């Protein structure tokens, strides 16, 4: 399973954000919080995970975050399986789209469109 840090790297690689400070600004959180996520000390909560999943167009990110946040091994395993299933479903969707199937992706199918550049996502840090 991919790490939270690898998804944060993807935000930068895809030029959704320039750096960790930019990620923090997008989510209206501190740069220190992003650093904690990167080090594996914590993971985004539900609101931040959902916002980042939309930005990345990767619904599995929410499950990855929940797997990292949980303390119970059995619960962690459930979230890991959910993350894998969502990742595989998204891959199948992209393959179908490439082969002339339905357009869009799982996130868009859910009625959630990724925000445009410069759009500020405000999340509770509770």
C-alpha atoms as a PDB file:
ATOM      1  CA  UNK A   1       0.000   0.000   0.000  1.00  0.00           C
ATOM      2  CA  UNK A   2       1.245   3.477  -0.823  1.00  0.00           C
ATOM      3  CA  UNK A   3       2.156   5.858   1.970  1.00  0.00           C
ATOM      4  CA  UNK A   4       0.576   9.229   2.714  1.00  0.00           C
ATOM      5  CA  UNK A   5       3.926  10.790   1.891  1.00  0.00           C
ATOM      6  CA  UNK A   6       3.874   9.290  -1.615  1.00  0.00           C
ATOM      7  CA  UNK A   7       0.473  10.885  -2.265  1.00  0.00           C
ATOM      8  CA  UNK A   8       1.804  14.232  -1.021  1.00  0.00           C
ATOM      9  CA  UNK A   9       4.705  13.803  -3.444  1.00  0.00           C
ATOM     10  CA  UNK A  10       2.179  13.165  -6.210  1.00  0.00           C
ATOM     11  CA  UNK A  11       0.476  16.492  -5.451  1.00  0.00           C
ATOM     12  CA  UNK A  12       3.798  18.190  -6.096  1.00  0.00           C
ATOM     13  CA  UNK A  13       4.783  16.003  -9.067  1.00  0.00           C
ATOM     14  CA  UNK A  14       1.467  16.752 -10.783  1.00  0.00           C
ATOM     15  CA  UNK A  15       1.900  20.465  -9.973  1.00  0.00           C
ATOM     16  CA  UNK A  16      -1.291  20.621  -7.925  1.00  0.00           C
ATOM     17  CA  UNK A  17       0.897  22.124  -5.217  1.00  0.00           C
ATOM     18  CA  UNK A  18       4.432  23.517  -5.417  1.00  0.00           C
ATOM     19  CA  UNK A  19       5.653  22.255  -2.036  1.00  0.00           C
ATOM     20  CA  UNK A  20       4.501  21.225   1.441  1.00  0.00           C
ATOM     21  CA  UNK A  21       3.791  24.820   2.409  1.00  0.00           C
ATOM     22  CA  UNK A  22       1.484  25.055  -0.599  1.00  0.00           C
ATOM     23  CA  UNK A  23      -0.299  21.846   0.469  1.00  0.00           C
ATOM     24  CA  UNK A  24      -0.781  23.369   3.916  1.00  0.00           C
ATOM     25  CA  UNK A  25      -2.239  26.545   2.381  1.00  0.00           C
ATOM     26  CA  UNK A  26      -4.637  24.534   0.190  1.00  0.00           C
ATOM     27  CA  UNK A  27      -6.005  22.791   3.278  1.00  0.00           C
ATOM     28  CA  UNK A  28      -5.778  25.761   5.634  1.00  0.00           C
ATOM     29  CA  UNK A  29      -3.534  23.842   8.038  1.00  0.00           C
ATOM     30  CA  UNK A  30      -0.017  24.375   9.341  1.00  0.00           C
ATOM     31  CA  UNK A  31       3.114  23.338   7.486  1.00  0.00           C
ATOM     32  CA  UNK A  32       4.055  21.394  10.635  1.00  0.00           C
ATOM     33  CA  UNK A  33       0.956  19.213  10.208  1.00  0.00           C
ATOM     34  CA  UNK A  34       2.037  18.302   6.670  1.00  0.00           C
ATOM     35  CA  UNK A  35       5.503  17.448   8.040  1.00  0.00           C
ATOM     36  CA  UNK A  36       3.944  15.131  10.627  1.00  0.00           C
ATOM     37  CA  UNK A  37       1.965  13.397   7.868  1.00  0.00           C
ATOM     38  CA  UNK A  38       5.133  13.023   5.797  1.00  0.00           C
ATOM     39  CA  UNK A  39       7.042  11.441   8.677  1.00  0.00           C
ATOM     40  CA  UNK A  40       4.231   8.957   9.350  1.00  0.00           C
ATOM     41  CA  UNK A  41       3.546  10.431  12.784  1.00  0.00           C
ATOM     42  CA  UNK A  42      -0.091  10.936  11.830  1.00  0.00           C
ATOM     43  CA  UNK A  43      -2.296  10.971   8.762  1.00  0.00           C
ATOM     44  CA  UNK A  44      -4.905  13.378   7.452  1.00  0.00           C
ATOM     45  CA  UNK A  45      -8.278  13.189   9.179  1.00  0.00           C
ATOM     46  CA  UNK A  46     -11.480  12.544   7.301  1.00  0.00           C
ATOM     47  CA  UNK A  47     -11.960  16.099   6.016  1.00  0.00           C
ATOM     48  CA  UNK A  48      -8.384  16.611   4.856  1.00  0.00           C
ATOM     49  CA  UNK A  49      -8.211  13.099   3.378  1.00  0.00           C
ATOM     50  CA  UNK A  50     -11.409  13.696   1.407  1.00  0.00           C
ATOM     51  CA  UNK A  51     -10.163  17.056   0.115  1.00  0.00           C
ATOM     52  CA  UNK A  52      -6.837  15.563  -0.962  1.00  0.00           C
ATOM     53  CA  UNK A  53      -8.569  12.565  -2.568  1.00  0.00           C
ATOM     54  CA  UNK A  54     -10.597  14.969  -4.698  1.00  0.00           C
ATOM     55  CA  UNK A  55      -7.539  17.035  -5.643  1.00  0.00           C
ATOM     56  CA  UNK A  56      -5.627  13.885  -6.606  1.00  0.00           C
ATOM     57  CA  UNK A  57      -8.658  12.163  -8.152  1.00  0.00           C
ATOM     58  CA  UNK A  58      -7.678   9.130  -6.062  1.00  0.00           C
ATOM     59  CA  UNK A  59     -10.554   7.970  -3.866  1.00  0.00           C
ATOM     60  CA  UNK A  60      -8.389   5.281  -2.252  1.00  0.00           C
ATOM     61  CA  UNK A  61      -6.453   8.011  -0.444  1.00  0.00           C
ATOM     62  CA  UNK A  62      -9.206   8.309   2.179  1.00  0.00           C
ATOM     63  CA  UNK A  63      -8.868   4.606   3.015  1.00  0.00           C
ATOM     64  CA  UNK A  64      -5.051   4.866   3.079  1.00  0.00           C
ATOM     65  CA  UNK A  65      -5.345   7.652   5.656  1.00  0.00           C
ATOM     66  CA  UNK A  66      -7.838   5.743   7.764  1.00  0.00           C
ATOM     67  CA  UNK A  67      -5.566   2.663   7.706  1.00  0.00           C
ATOM     68  CA  UNK A  68      -2.676   4.770   8.977  1.00  0.00           C
ATOM     69  CA  UNK A  69      -4.768   6.475  11.676  1.00  0.00           C
ATOM     70  CA  UNK A  70      -6.367   3.415  13.239  1.00  0.00           C
ATOM     71  CA  UNK A  71      -4.773   1.728  16.241  1.00  0.00           C
ATOM     72  CA  UNK A  72      -6.333  -1.704  15.721  1.00  0.00           C
ATOM     73  CA  UNK A  73      -4.605  -4.125  13.360  1.00  0.00           C
ATOM     74  CA  UNK A  74      -7.858  -5.778  12.242  1.00  0.00           C
ATOM     75  CA  UNK A  75      -9.383  -2.379  11.409  1.00  0.00           C
ATOM     76  CA  UNK A  76      -6.181  -1.347   9.634  1.00  0.00           C
ATOM     77  CA  UNK A  77      -6.382  -4.455   7.450  1.00  0.00           C
ATOM     78  CA  UNK A  78      -9.987  -3.632   6.492  1.00  0.00           C
ATOM     79  CA  UNK A  79      -8.978  -0.114   5.408  1.00  0.00           C
ATOM     80  CA  UNK A  80      -6.029  -1.523   3.444  1.00  0.00           C
ATOM     81  CA  UNK A  81      -8.354  -3.872   1.566  1.00  0.00           C
ATOM     82  CA  UNK A  82     -10.778  -1.002   0.869  1.00  0.00           C
ATOM     83  CA  UNK A  83      -7.882   1.126  -0.431  1.00  0.00           C
ATOM     84  CA  UNK A  84      -6.773  -1.681  -2.746  1.00  0.00           C
ATOM     85  CA  UNK A  85     -10.316  -2.244  -4.024  1.00  0.00           C
ATOM     86  CA  UNK A  86     -10.800   1.463  -4.749  1.00  0.00           C
ATOM     87  CA  UNK A  87      -7.435   1.639  -6.500  1.00  0.00           C
ATOM     88  CA  UNK A  88      -8.284  -1.364  -8.685  1.00  0.00           C
ATOM     89  CA  UNK A  89     -11.751   0.026  -9.479  1.00  0.00           C
ATOM     90  CA  UNK A  90     -10.223   3.354 -10.501  1.00  0.00           C
ATOM     91  CA  UNK A  91      -7.707   1.540 -12.736  1.00  0.00           C
ATOM     92  CA  UNK A  92     -10.556  -0.381 -14.391  1.00  0.00           C
ATOM     93  CA  UNK A  93     -12.447   2.867 -14.916  1.00  0.00           C
ATOM     94  CA  UNK A  94      -9.426   4.468 -16.581  1.00  0.00           C
ATOM     95  CA  UNK A  95      -8.939   1.390 -18.785  1.00  0.00           C
ATOM     96  CA  UNK A  96     -12.615   1.429 -19.814  1.00  0.00           C
ATOM     97  CA  UNK A  97     -12.406   5.139 -20.592  1.00  0.00           C
ATOM     98  CA  UNK A  98      -9.268   4.558 -22.687  1.00  0.00           C
ATOM     99  CA  UNK A  99     -11.081   1.786 -24.587  1.00  0.00           C
ATOM    100  CA  UNK A 100     -14.050   4.015 -25.381  1.00  0.00           C
ATOM    101  CA  UNK A 101     -16.109   3.253 -22.288  1.00  0.00           C
ATOM    102  CA  UNK A 102     -17.776   5.772 -19.969  1.00  0.00           C
ATOM    103  CA  UNK A 103     -15.854   8.959 -19.387  1.00  0.00           C
ATOM    104  CA  UNK A 104     -14.980  10.349 -15.992  1.00  0.00           C
ATOM    105  CA  UNK A 105     -13.635   8.631 -12.917  1.00  0.00           C
ATOM    106  CA  UNK A 106     -14.987   7.376  -9.618  1.00  0.00           C
ATOM    107  CA  UNK A 107     -14.647  10.763  -7.968  1.00  0.00           C
ATOM    108  CA  UNK A 108     -16.481  12.565 -10.785  1.00  0.00           C
ATOM    109  CA  UNK A 109     -19.115   9.831 -10.888  1.00  0.00           C
ATOM    110  CA  UNK A 110     -19.848  10.626  -7.272  1.00  0.00           C
ATOM    111  CA  UNK A 111     -20.695  14.174  -8.292  1.00  0.00           C
ATOM    112  CA  UNK A 112     -17.520  15.646  -6.830  1.00  0.00           C
ATOM    113  CA  UNK A 113     -15.408  17.676  -9.202  1.00  0.00           C
ATOM    114  CA  UNK A 114     -11.803  18.521  -8.356  1.00  0.00           C
ATOM    115  CA  UNK A 115     -11.362  22.198  -7.544  1.00  0.00           C
ATOM    116  CA  UNK A 116      -9.600  24.447  -9.995  1.00  0.00           C
ATOM    117  CA  UNK A 117      -6.140  25.826  -9.273  1.00  0.00           C
ATOM    118  CA  UNK A 118      -6.107  28.493  -6.613  1.00  0.00           C
ATOM    119  CA  UNK A 119      -9.239  27.137  -4.965  1.00  0.00           C
ATOM    120  CA  UNK A 120      -8.823  27.049  -1.213  1.00  0.00           C
ATOM    121  CA  UNK A 121     -10.217  24.025   0.598  1.00  0.00           C
ATOM    122  CA  UNK A 122     -11.069  24.717   4.202  1.00  0.00           C
ATOM    123  CA  UNK A 123     -11.064  21.729   6.487  1.00  0.00           C
ATOM    124  CA  UNK A 124     -11.666  21.418  10.177  1.00  0.00           C
ATOM    125  CA  UNK A 125      -8.540  20.449  12.097  1.00  0.00           C
ATOM    126  CA  UNK A 126     -10.515  18.906  14.932  1.00  0.00           C
END
